[in-house]
Structure formats: structure tokens, C-alpha cells
Amino acid sequence: MIEFTAEQIEKAERLLQHIPGGAQKALSRAMNRAVDSAKTEASRKARETYHIRHKDVLDTIKVSKASPSNLNAMIVSRGYVFALTRFQVNPKKPQPKRKKEIVVRVKRGEGGPIKKAFVTQLKSGHLGVFKRAGKARFPIEQLYGPSVPQMLGNVKVTEAVERRAMAVMDERLDHEIKRMLEGQT
């Protein structure tokens, strides 16, 4: 959770007391910039930790921005688990005569073979990594990796995002105060 410190709020109110609503404007602008940078950092850190595309991360993140009357901003990630084919899979296409096991890497530097798994394309055109549910040929079940919210919940990712957002919020608050004092509201 990212919050302004009492010193930051006091500083904004003290320096911008002669501008009506100036402190709230500066605080909301700084918070919005911090939220945007937190979203970018979340995607960057998730991609450093997992084999995932930038677009896949950003598609799950929704941002609600702060306003001078409501100094709350929020980043929420909602999404479903991804099929293993969204991560690093070898081989990527169906190979009916293969002898080796399927190798899947979800997290960077981790992963390995999955026994009795195979890559196939369904009649609908969906390509996935599957495993037989029993001893018979059918039914088969698809294998999944984590969802983006689970990836962003990783301690390393969360800490990096919070650090970046706090740094940007400090930096941008000073910038916004200076900007308003120079008369560029």
C-alpha cells in the first residue's frame, strides 16, 4: 500500500496554502503518476520473474486514479490462470512421434519436464498442453500456469512495485509543488 506521509501532506499544505485547493491538486497528480509507474514496474518485474508477455500482464491491470476531491488511487489485477502454452514450452507444436517429455518453464530459471504431457491442437484450433485424466485415451485435461494476479502477488514483484511507486510519489510531489508555485497550475 502506498500512502503519503504526514510530512509530505504538511509540506504540500504549507507551501501551497495561498493557492485554493493547491495541495490536493499536487497530491493527486503525484499519486496518479506513482500509480502509472507502479503499473509499468509491475509488468516489468513480472516479466523478469516469469516467462510472460507484456501485453498479457497489462490486459489484467485496471487503474483508478485520484482526484483533488478523492485522494485514493488503486491498481487492481484480475485475471484467470493461463494455459501453459502462454509460457515457454518445448516443443511448441504437436509432435505425435516424439520420444522426449514436454519441457515447460513458467518461472525464469525454473521448470522442467512434465511426465506424460503432450501438446495438441483441438478441433476448435486451441493449442494446449494436456495430460490424460485416466488410463484410457479420453478424457484429457489441460494444464495451466499461474494467473497474472498470482504473479504480481510474488513478494519480489510486490516489494519492487511499492519501492518504485514511493520513489516516484516523492519525486513527483516535489515537482508538482514547484510547478504550482511557478504559476503553471
C-alpha atoms as a PDB file:
ATOM      1  CA  MET A   1       0.000   0.000   0.000  1.00  0.00           C
ATOM      2  CA  ILE A   2       1.314   3.400  -0.964  1.00  0.00           C
ATOM      3  CA  GLU A   3       0.427   6.389   1.175  1.00  0.00           C
ATOM      4  CA  PHE A   4       1.634   9.919   1.662  1.00  0.00           C
ATOM      5  CA  THR A   5       3.484  10.552   4.889  1.00  0.00           C
ATOM      6  CA  ALA A   6       2.271  13.228   7.285  1.00  0.00           C
ATOM      7  CA  GLU A   7       5.383  15.271   6.429  1.00  0.00           C
ATOM      8  CA  GLN A   8       4.585  15.204   2.724  1.00  0.00           C
ATOM      9  CA  ILE A   9       0.998  16.342   3.263  1.00  0.00           C
ATOM     10  CA  GLU A  10       2.098  19.046   5.686  1.00  0.00           C
ATOM     11  CA  LYS A  11       4.766  20.255   3.240  1.00  0.00           C
ATOM     12  CA  ALA A  12       2.255  20.491   0.368  1.00  0.00           C
ATOM     13  CA  GLU A  13      -0.297  22.341   2.510  1.00  0.00           C
ATOM     14  CA  ARG A  14       2.307  24.730   3.905  1.00  0.00           C
ATOM     15  CA  LEU A  15       3.876  25.626   0.558  1.00  0.00           C
ATOM     16  CA  LEU A  16       0.613  25.829  -1.378  1.00  0.00           C
ATOM     17  CA  GLN A  17      -1.622  27.434   1.250  1.00  0.00           C
ATOM     18  CA  HIS A  18      -2.056  30.586  -0.873  1.00  0.00           C
ATOM     19  CA  ILE A  19      -3.455  28.547  -3.813  1.00  0.00           C
ATOM     20  CA  PRO A  20      -7.030  27.314  -3.221  1.00  0.00           C
ATOM     21  CA  GLY A  21      -7.052  23.516  -3.461  1.00  0.00           C
ATOM     22  CA  GLY A  22      -3.393  23.558  -4.472  1.00  0.00           C
ATOM     23  CA  ALA A  23      -2.233  20.919  -2.004  1.00  0.00           C
ATOM     24  CA  GLN A  24      -4.953  18.474  -3.078  1.00  0.00           C
ATOM     25  CA  LYS A  25      -4.124  19.032  -6.769  1.00  0.00           C
ATOM     26  CA  ALA A  26      -0.418  18.455  -6.204  1.00  0.00           C
ATOM     27  CA  LEU A  27      -1.044  15.352  -4.076  1.00  0.00           C
ATOM     28  CA  SER A  28      -3.488  13.828  -6.579  1.00  0.00           C
ATOM     29  CA  ARG A  29      -1.180  14.495  -9.547  1.00  0.00           C
ATOM     30  CA  ALA A  30       1.790  12.946  -7.727  1.00  0.00           C
ATOM     31  CA  MET A  31      -0.291   9.937  -6.725  1.00  0.00           C
ATOM     32  CA  ASN A  32      -1.546   9.414 -10.285  1.00  0.00           C
ATOM     33  CA  ARG A  33       1.971   9.490 -11.647  1.00  0.00           C
ATOM     34  CA  ALA A  34       3.041   6.995  -8.965  1.00  0.00           C
ATOM     35  CA  VAL A  35       0.172   4.667  -9.892  1.00  0.00           C
ATOM     36  CA  ASP A  36       1.150   4.778 -13.574  1.00  0.00           C
ATOM     37  CA  SER A  37       4.772   3.985 -12.755  1.00  0.00           C
ATOM     38  CA  ALA A  38       3.661   1.191 -10.406  1.00  0.00           C
ATOM     39  CA  LYS A  39       1.680  -0.385 -13.256  1.00  0.00           C
ATOM     40  CA  THR A  40       4.734  -0.250 -15.526  1.00  0.00           C
ATOM     41  CA  GLU A  41       7.016  -1.609 -12.805  1.00  0.00           C
ATOM     42  CA  ALA A  42       4.565  -4.437 -12.061  1.00  0.00           C
ATOM     43  CA  SER A  43       4.685  -5.532 -15.678  1.00  0.00           C
ATOM     44  CA  ARG A  44       8.476  -5.216 -15.816  1.00  0.00           C
ATOM     45  CA  LYS A  45       9.063  -7.232 -12.638  1.00  0.00           C
ATOM     46  CA  ALA A  46       6.523  -9.889 -13.591  1.00  0.00           C
ATOM     47  CA  ARG A  47       8.343 -10.343 -16.911  1.00  0.00           C
ATOM     48  CA  GLU A  48      11.703 -10.520 -15.118  1.00  0.00           C
ATOM     49  CA  THR A  49      10.391 -13.314 -12.901  1.00  0.00           C
ATOM     50  CA  TYR A  50       8.077 -15.214 -15.285  1.00  0.00           C
ATOM     51  CA  HIS A  51       8.040 -16.116 -18.985  1.00  0.00           C
ATOM     52  CA  ILE A  52       5.055 -13.886 -19.818  1.00  0.00           C
ATOM     53  CA  ARG A  53       4.326 -11.220 -22.416  1.00  0.00           C
ATOM     54  CA  HIS A  54       3.979  -7.533 -21.538  1.00  0.00           C
ATOM     55  CA  LYS A  55       0.527  -7.372 -23.118  1.00  0.00           C
ATOM     56  CA  ASP A  56      -0.727 -10.338 -21.090  1.00  0.00           C
ATOM     57  CA  VAL A  57       0.191  -8.543 -17.868  1.00  0.00           C
ATOM     58  CA  LEU A  58      -1.185  -5.139 -18.854  1.00  0.00           C
ATOM     59  CA  ASP A  59      -4.503  -6.606 -20.041  1.00  0.00           C
ATOM     60  CA  THR A  60      -5.323  -7.689 -16.475  1.00  0.00           C
ATOM     61  CA  ILE A  61      -4.433  -4.413 -14.731  1.00  0.00           C
ATOM     62  CA  LYS A  62      -7.029  -1.717 -14.145  1.00  0.00           C
ATOM     63  CA  VAL A  63      -6.134   1.668 -12.650  1.00  0.00           C
ATOM     64  CA  SER A  64      -8.454   4.053 -10.845  1.00  0.00           C
ATOM     65  CA  LYS A  65      -6.882   7.469 -10.476  1.00  0.00           C
ATOM     66  CA  ALA A  66      -7.004  10.025  -7.696  1.00  0.00           C
ATOM     67  CA  SER A  67      -8.649  13.429  -7.954  1.00  0.00           C
ATOM     68  CA  PRO A  68      -8.284  16.522  -5.778  1.00  0.00           C
ATOM     69  CA  SER A  69     -11.572  15.643  -4.047  1.00  0.00           C
ATOM     70  CA  ASN A  70     -10.703  11.938  -3.668  1.00  0.00           C
ATOM     71  CA  LEU A  71      -7.042  11.245  -2.859  1.00  0.00           C
ATOM     72  CA  ASN A  72      -7.319   7.495  -3.402  1.00  0.00           C
ATOM     73  CA  ALA A  73      -5.813   5.665  -6.343  1.00  0.00           C
ATOM     74  CA  MET A  74      -5.898   1.956  -6.917  1.00  0.00           C
ATOM     75  CA  ILE A  75      -4.311  -0.689  -9.109  1.00  0.00           C
ATOM     76  CA  VAL A  76      -6.216  -3.946  -9.422  1.00  0.00           C
ATOM     77  CA  SER A  77      -5.211  -7.013 -11.379  1.00  0.00           C
ATOM     78  CA  ARG A  78      -7.911  -9.516 -12.230  1.00  0.00           C
ATOM     79  CA  GLY A  79      -7.455 -12.482 -14.470  1.00  0.00           C
ATOM     80  CA  TYR A  80      -7.622 -16.200 -14.929  1.00  0.00           C
ATOM     81  CA  VAL A  81      -4.920 -18.827 -14.979  1.00  0.00           C
ATOM     82  CA  PHE A  82      -3.052 -19.064 -18.272  1.00  0.00           C
ATOM     83  CA  ALA A  83      -2.687 -22.178 -20.381  1.00  0.00           C
ATOM     84  CA  LEU A  84       0.886 -23.471 -20.252  1.00  0.00           C
ATOM     85  CA  THR A  85       1.299 -22.626 -23.942  1.00  0.00           C
ATOM     86  CA  ARG A  86       1.408 -18.928 -22.929  1.00  0.00           C
ATOM     87  CA  PHE A  87       4.720 -19.663 -21.219  1.00  0.00           C
ATOM     88  CA  GLN A  88       7.884 -21.312 -22.549  1.00  0.00           C
ATOM     89  CA  VAL A  89       7.033 -24.782 -23.862  1.00  0.00           C
ATOM     90  CA  ASN A  90       9.269 -27.099 -25.857  1.00  0.00           C
ATOM     91  CA  PRO A  91       8.087 -28.367 -28.324  1.00  0.00           C
ATOM     92  CA  LYS A  92       5.572 -25.619 -29.135  1.00  0.00           C
ATOM     93  CA  LYS A  93       3.620 -27.633 -31.738  1.00  0.00           C
ATOM     94  CA  PRO A  94       2.096 -31.114 -31.650  1.00  0.00           C
ATOM     95  CA  GLN A  95       4.610 -33.888 -32.368  1.00  0.00           C
ATOM     96  CA  PRO A  96       2.848 -37.248 -32.404  1.00  0.00           C
ATOM     97  CA  LYS A  97       6.035 -39.325 -32.709  1.00  0.00           C
ATOM     98  CA  ARG A  98       8.076 -37.551 -30.057  1.00  0.00           C
ATOM     99  CA  LYS A  99      10.012 -39.593 -27.553  1.00  0.00           C
ATOM    100  CA  LYS A 100      11.083 -36.853 -25.129  1.00  0.00           C
ATOM    101  CA  GLU A 101       8.936 -35.306 -22.418  1.00  0.00           C
ATOM    102  CA  ILE A 102       7.428 -31.843 -22.770  1.00  0.00           C
ATOM    103  CA  VAL A 103       9.603 -29.203 -21.073  1.00  0.00           C
ATOM    104  CA  VAL A 104       7.766 -26.225 -19.556  1.00  0.00           C
ATOM    105  CA  ARG A 105       9.280 -23.134 -17.959  1.00  0.00           C
ATOM    106  CA  VAL A 106       6.861 -20.792 -16.218  1.00  0.00           C
ATOM    107  CA  LYS A 107       9.324 -19.041 -13.922  1.00  0.00           C
ATOM    108  CA  ARG A 108      12.671 -17.884 -15.226  1.00  0.00           C
ATOM    109  CA  GLY A 109      15.466 -20.255 -14.220  1.00  0.00           C
ATOM    110  CA  GLU A 110      12.989 -22.928 -13.106  1.00  0.00           C
ATOM    111  CA  GLY A 111      10.799 -25.590 -14.677  1.00  0.00           C
ATOM    112  CA  GLY A 112      11.426 -28.853 -16.397  1.00  0.00           C
ATOM    113  CA  PRO A 113       9.830 -31.875 -17.978  1.00  0.00           C
ATOM    114  CA  ILE A 114       6.239 -32.899 -17.293  1.00  0.00           C
ATOM    115  CA  LYS A 115       5.735 -36.655 -17.431  1.00  0.00           C
ATOM    116  CA  LYS A 116       3.089 -37.972 -19.794  1.00  0.00           C
ATOM    117  CA  ALA A 117       2.098 -34.493 -21.013  1.00  0.00           C
ATOM    118  CA  PHE A 118       1.647 -33.688 -24.681  1.00  0.00           C
ATOM    119  CA  VAL A 119       0.965 -30.681 -26.893  1.00  0.00           C
ATOM    120  CA  THR A 120      -2.098 -30.924 -29.087  1.00  0.00           C
ATOM    121  CA  GLN A 121      -4.433 -28.754 -31.084  1.00  0.00           C
ATOM    122  CA  LEU A 122      -8.151 -29.207 -30.523  1.00  0.00           C
ATOM    123  CA  LYS A 123     -10.762 -29.059 -33.277  1.00  0.00           C
ATOM    124  CA  SER A 124     -11.570 -25.512 -32.153  1.00  0.00           C
ATOM    125  CA  GLY A 125      -7.995 -24.535 -33.036  1.00  0.00           C
ATOM    126  CA  HIS A 126      -6.872 -24.125 -29.403  1.00  0.00           C
ATOM    127  CA  LEU A 127      -3.300 -25.266 -28.819  1.00  0.00           C
ATOM    128  CA  GLY A 128      -2.510 -26.521 -25.321  1.00  0.00           C
ATOM    129  CA  VAL A 129      -0.503 -28.794 -23.083  1.00  0.00           C
ATOM    130  CA  PHE A 130      -2.641 -31.724 -21.974  1.00  0.00           C
ATOM    131  CA  LYS A 131      -2.445 -34.847 -19.844  1.00  0.00           C
ATOM    132  CA  ARG A 132      -4.667 -37.909 -19.871  1.00  0.00           C
ATOM    133  CA  ALA A 133      -7.096 -37.936 -16.935  1.00  0.00           C
ATOM    134  CA  GLY A 134      -7.047 -41.724 -16.576  1.00  0.00           C
ATOM    135  CA  LYS A 135      -5.599 -44.790 -18.210  1.00  0.00           C
ATOM    136  CA  ALA A 136      -7.942 -44.534 -21.180  1.00  0.00           C
ATOM    137  CA  ARG A 137      -7.323 -42.367 -24.238  1.00  0.00           C
ATOM    138  CA  PHE A 138     -10.014 -39.889 -23.171  1.00  0.00           C
ATOM    139  CA  PRO A 139     -10.743 -37.713 -21.215  1.00  0.00           C
ATOM    140  CA  ILE A 140      -7.791 -35.354 -21.327  1.00  0.00           C
ATOM    141  CA  GLU A 141      -7.262 -32.313 -19.121  1.00  0.00           C
ATOM    142  CA  GLN A 142      -5.437 -29.127 -19.938  1.00  0.00           C
ATOM    143  CA  LEU A 143      -2.541 -27.972 -17.754  1.00  0.00           C
ATOM    144  CA  TYR A 144      -2.367 -24.358 -16.561  1.00  0.00           C
ATOM    145  CA  GLY A 145       0.178 -21.964 -15.092  1.00  0.00           C
ATOM    146  CA  PRO A 146      -0.446 -19.108 -12.654  1.00  0.00           C
ATOM    147  CA  SER A 147      -2.641 -16.083 -13.294  1.00  0.00           C
ATOM    148  CA  VAL A 148      -1.210 -12.566 -13.540  1.00  0.00           C
ATOM    149  CA  PRO A 149      -2.623 -11.605 -10.108  1.00  0.00           C
ATOM    150  CA  GLN A 150      -0.732 -14.571  -8.638  1.00  0.00           C
ATOM    151  CA  MET A 151       2.447 -13.454 -10.418  1.00  0.00           C
ATOM    152  CA  LEU A 152       2.045  -9.899  -9.147  1.00  0.00           C
ATOM    153  CA  GLY A 153       1.470 -11.264  -5.638  1.00  0.00           C
ATOM    154  CA  ASN A 154       5.006 -12.662  -5.633  1.00  0.00           C
ATOM    155  CA  VAL A 155       6.939 -10.983  -2.788  1.00  0.00           C
ATOM    156  CA  LYS A 156       9.810  -9.820  -5.024  1.00  0.00           C
ATOM    157  CA  VAL A 157       7.396  -8.249  -7.507  1.00  0.00           C
ATOM    158  CA  THR A 158       5.249  -6.557  -4.848  1.00  0.00           C
ATOM    159  CA  GLU A 159       8.210  -5.073  -2.987  1.00  0.00           C
ATOM    160  CA  ALA A 160       9.759  -3.704  -6.183  1.00  0.00           C
ATOM    161  CA  VAL A 161       6.465  -2.127  -7.247  1.00  0.00           C
ATOM    162  CA  GLU A 162       5.959  -0.453  -3.861  1.00  0.00           C
ATOM    163  CA  ARG A 163       9.531   0.871  -3.794  1.00  0.00           C
ATOM    164  CA  ARG A 164       9.195   2.336  -7.277  1.00  0.00           C
ATOM    165  CA  ALA A 165       5.806   3.906  -6.552  1.00  0.00           C
ATOM    166  CA  MET A 166       7.028   5.527  -3.329  1.00  0.00           C
ATOM    167  CA  ALA A 167      10.117   6.926  -5.069  1.00  0.00           C
ATOM    168  CA  VAL A 168       8.050   8.369  -7.917  1.00  0.00           C
ATOM    169  CA  MET A 169       5.495   9.798  -5.496  1.00  0.00           C
ATOM    170  CA  ASP A 170       8.219  11.638  -3.534  1.00  0.00           C
ATOM    171  CA  GLU A 171       9.860  12.921  -6.686  1.00  0.00           C
ATOM    172  CA  ARG A 172       6.603  13.964  -8.361  1.00  0.00           C
ATOM    173  CA  LEU A 173       5.215  15.699  -5.278  1.00  0.00           C
ATOM    174  CA  ASP A 174       8.246  17.988  -5.186  1.00  0.00           C
ATOM    175  CA  HIS A 175       7.871  18.576  -8.925  1.00  0.00           C
ATOM    176  CA  GLU A 176       4.143  19.363  -8.685  1.00  0.00           C
ATOM    177  CA  ILE A 177       4.661  21.773  -5.766  1.00  0.00           C
ATOM    178  CA  LYS A 178       7.406  23.564  -7.679  1.00  0.00           C
ATOM    179  CA  ARG A 179       5.257  23.694 -10.800  1.00  0.00           C
ATOM    180  CA  MET A 180       2.296  25.199  -8.949  1.00  0.00           C
ATOM    181  CA  LEU A 181       4.481  27.727  -7.165  1.00  0.00           C
ATOM    182  CA  GLU A 182       5.820  28.900 -10.528  1.00  0.00           C
ATOM    183  CA  GLY A 183       2.236  29.543 -11.604  1.00  0.00           C
ATOM    184  CA  GLN A 184       1.788  26.755 -14.127  1.00  0.00           C
ATOM    185  CA  THR A 185      -1.194  25.162 -12.325  1.00  0.00           C
END
